[in-house]
């Protein structure tokens, strides 16, 4: 028999500075997700479907706020998003690697 933990949808915060976690399975809107931060876990309601490997906000993020993953800025929010929302290139942007001029 599978344990409750095995059935639990989950995500992982890679660095303690991060404000997003990585989905370790497909997350479904309305489900409760266990977000691991080191040895601890926080429960977050999933606000929209989030595919495996994509980012879930672990706190409310404002428009133009930094998105932190790996302890580094990987982009900024175009629009505000609530904790539990899907963070991806439909609502964030990144200037890294773009040529100026």
C-alpha atoms as a PDB file:
ATOM      1  CA  UNK A   1       0.000   0.000   0.000  1.00  0.00           C
ATOM      2  CA  UNK A   2       1.349   3.426  -0.925  1.00  0.00           C
ATOM      3  CA  UNK A   3       1.920   5.938   1.846  1.00  0.00           C
ATOM      4  CA  UNK A   4       0.073   9.272   1.950  1.00  0.00           C
ATOM      5  CA  UNK A   5       3.415  11.027   1.353  1.00  0.00           C
ATOM      6  CA  UNK A   6       3.929   9.081  -1.869  1.00  0.00           C
ATOM      7  CA  UNK A   7       0.514  10.264  -3.171  1.00  0.00           C
ATOM      8  CA  UNK A   8       1.098  13.874  -2.071  1.00  0.00           C
ATOM      9  CA  UNK A   9       1.682  16.283  -4.955  1.00  0.00           C
ATOM     10  CA  UNK A  10       4.893  18.114  -4.233  1.00  0.00           C
ATOM     11  CA  UNK A  11       7.340  20.814  -5.230  1.00  0.00           C
ATOM     12  CA  UNK A  12      10.869  21.661  -4.135  1.00  0.00           C
ATOM     13  CA  UNK A  13      12.486  24.988  -3.226  1.00  0.00           C
ATOM     14  CA  UNK A  14      16.081  24.646  -4.442  1.00  0.00           C
ATOM     15  CA  UNK A  15      17.645  27.513  -2.416  1.00  0.00           C
ATOM     16  CA  UNK A  16      16.296  29.123   0.760  1.00  0.00           C
ATOM     17  CA  UNK A  17      16.277  32.540  -1.016  1.00  0.00           C
ATOM     18  CA  UNK A  18      13.951  31.286  -3.776  1.00  0.00           C
ATOM     19  CA  UNK A  19      10.399  32.598  -4.113  1.00  0.00           C
ATOM     20  CA  UNK A  20       9.408  29.775  -6.475  1.00  0.00           C
ATOM     21  CA  UNK A  21       9.504  25.995  -6.192  1.00  0.00           C
ATOM     22  CA  UNK A  22       9.861  23.370  -8.918  1.00  0.00           C
ATOM     23  CA  UNK A  23       6.883  21.024  -9.442  1.00  0.00           C
ATOM     24  CA  UNK A  24       8.001  17.411  -8.910  1.00  0.00           C
ATOM     25  CA  UNK A  25       4.831  16.154 -10.617  1.00  0.00           C
ATOM     26  CA  UNK A  26       1.941  17.690 -12.562  1.00  0.00           C
ATOM     27  CA  UNK A  27       0.053  19.934 -10.133  1.00  0.00           C
ATOM     28  CA  UNK A  28      -3.712  20.301 -10.541  1.00  0.00           C
ATOM     29  CA  UNK A  29      -5.727  23.445  -9.743  1.00  0.00           C
ATOM     30  CA  UNK A  30      -7.387  23.156  -6.334  1.00  0.00           C
ATOM     31  CA  UNK A  31      -5.025  20.473  -5.013  1.00  0.00           C
ATOM     32  CA  UNK A  32      -2.858  21.066  -1.970  1.00  0.00           C
ATOM     33  CA  UNK A  33       0.850  20.874  -2.733  1.00  0.00           C
ATOM     34  CA  UNK A  34       3.548  20.006  -0.214  1.00  0.00           C
ATOM     35  CA  UNK A  35       6.448  22.395  -0.860  1.00  0.00           C
ATOM     36  CA  UNK A  36       9.741  21.166   0.560  1.00  0.00           C
ATOM     37  CA  UNK A  37      12.152  23.776   1.842  1.00  0.00           C
ATOM     38  CA  UNK A  38      15.129  21.859   3.216  1.00  0.00           C
ATOM     39  CA  UNK A  39      13.757  19.425   5.815  1.00  0.00           C
ATOM     40  CA  UNK A  40      10.482  21.352   6.212  1.00  0.00           C
ATOM     41  CA  UNK A  41       7.298  21.234   4.160  1.00  0.00           C
ATOM     42  CA  UNK A  42       4.684  23.951   3.662  1.00  0.00           C
ATOM     43  CA  UNK A  43       1.245  23.310   2.231  1.00  0.00           C
ATOM     44  CA  UNK A  44       0.154  25.555  -0.668  1.00  0.00           C
ATOM     45  CA  UNK A  45      -3.118  25.476  -2.618  1.00  0.00           C
ATOM     46  CA  UNK A  46      -2.424  25.161  -6.365  1.00  0.00           C
ATOM     47  CA  UNK A  47      -4.238  28.022  -8.143  1.00  0.00           C
ATOM     48  CA  UNK A  48      -3.912  26.682 -11.714  1.00  0.00           C
ATOM     49  CA  UNK A  49      -2.640  23.560 -13.448  1.00  0.00           C
ATOM     50  CA  UNK A  50       1.173  23.535 -13.360  1.00  0.00           C
ATOM     51  CA  UNK A  51       3.138  21.008 -15.433  1.00  0.00           C
ATOM     52  CA  UNK A  52       5.941  18.862 -14.013  1.00  0.00           C
ATOM     53  CA  UNK A  53       9.234  20.793 -13.873  1.00  0.00           C
ATOM     54  CA  UNK A  54       7.594  24.216 -13.970  1.00  0.00           C
ATOM     55  CA  UNK A  55       7.573  26.841 -11.208  1.00  0.00           C
ATOM     56  CA  UNK A  56       4.957  27.509  -8.517  1.00  0.00           C
ATOM     57  CA  UNK A  57       5.008  30.764  -6.522  1.00  0.00           C
ATOM     58  CA  UNK A  58       5.672  30.134  -2.826  1.00  0.00           C
ATOM     59  CA  UNK A  59       4.612  33.697  -1.938  1.00  0.00           C
ATOM     60  CA  UNK A  60       2.642  36.504  -3.565  1.00  0.00           C
ATOM     61  CA  UNK A  61       4.790  38.213  -6.214  1.00  0.00           C
ATOM     62  CA  UNK A  62       4.266  41.797  -7.435  1.00  0.00           C
ATOM     63  CA  UNK A  63       4.611  43.062 -10.998  1.00  0.00           C
ATOM     64  CA  UNK A  64       8.315  43.676 -11.765  1.00  0.00           C
ATOM     65  CA  UNK A  65       9.382  41.659  -8.690  1.00  0.00           C
ATOM     66  CA  UNK A  66      12.419  39.402  -9.084  1.00  0.00           C
ATOM     67  CA  UNK A  67      11.795  35.693  -9.619  1.00  0.00           C
ATOM     68  CA  UNK A  68      14.419  33.833  -7.594  1.00  0.00           C
ATOM     69  CA  UNK A  69      15.449  30.256  -8.361  1.00  0.00           C
ATOM     70  CA  UNK A  70      18.793  28.640  -7.452  1.00  0.00           C
ATOM     71  CA  UNK A  71      19.208  31.677  -5.164  1.00  0.00           C
ATOM     72  CA  UNK A  72      19.555  33.902  -8.262  1.00  0.00           C
ATOM     73  CA  UNK A  73      17.277  36.174 -10.252  1.00  0.00           C
ATOM     74  CA  UNK A  74      16.005  34.275 -13.294  1.00  0.00           C
ATOM     75  CA  UNK A  75      13.537  36.942 -14.391  1.00  0.00           C
ATOM     76  CA  UNK A  76      10.890  39.430 -13.281  1.00  0.00           C
ATOM     77  CA  UNK A  77       7.124  39.271 -13.133  1.00  0.00           C
ATOM     78  CA  UNK A  78       5.082  40.999 -15.869  1.00  0.00           C
ATOM     79  CA  UNK A  79       2.010  40.928 -13.618  1.00  0.00           C
ATOM     80  CA  UNK A  80       1.305  40.221  -9.962  1.00  0.00           C
ATOM     81  CA  UNK A  81       0.690  36.587  -9.043  1.00  0.00           C
ATOM     82  CA  UNK A  82      -0.654  34.939  -5.915  1.00  0.00           C
ATOM     83  CA  UNK A  83       1.056  32.232  -3.877  1.00  0.00           C
ATOM     84  CA  UNK A  84       0.266  28.926  -5.593  1.00  0.00           C
ATOM     85  CA  UNK A  85       0.220  30.399  -9.110  1.00  0.00           C
ATOM     86  CA  UNK A  86       2.153  29.149 -12.148  1.00  0.00           C
ATOM     87  CA  UNK A  87       5.288  31.200 -12.879  1.00  0.00           C
ATOM     88  CA  UNK A  88       6.394  30.802 -16.488  1.00  0.00           C
ATOM     89  CA  UNK A  89       7.202  32.921 -19.539  1.00  0.00           C
ATOM     90  CA  UNK A  90       3.518  33.829 -19.988  1.00  0.00           C
ATOM     91  CA  UNK A  91       3.730  36.045 -16.872  1.00  0.00           C
ATOM     92  CA  UNK A  92       7.463  36.675 -16.349  1.00  0.00           C
ATOM     93  CA  UNK A  93      10.296  37.992 -18.497  1.00  0.00           C
ATOM     94  CA  UNK A  94      14.069  37.762 -18.540  1.00  0.00           C
ATOM     95  CA  UNK A  95      16.533  40.223 -20.037  1.00  0.00           C
ATOM     96  CA  UNK A  96      19.533  37.876 -19.758  1.00  0.00           C
ATOM     97  CA  UNK A  97      21.067  36.987 -23.086  1.00  0.00           C
ATOM     98  CA  UNK A  98      19.197  39.653 -25.028  1.00  0.00           C
ATOM     99  CA  UNK A  99      21.260  41.976 -27.158  1.00  0.00           C
ATOM    100  CA  UNK A 100      20.845  45.687 -26.503  1.00  0.00           C
ATOM    101  CA  UNK A 101      20.731  48.279 -29.279  1.00  0.00           C
END
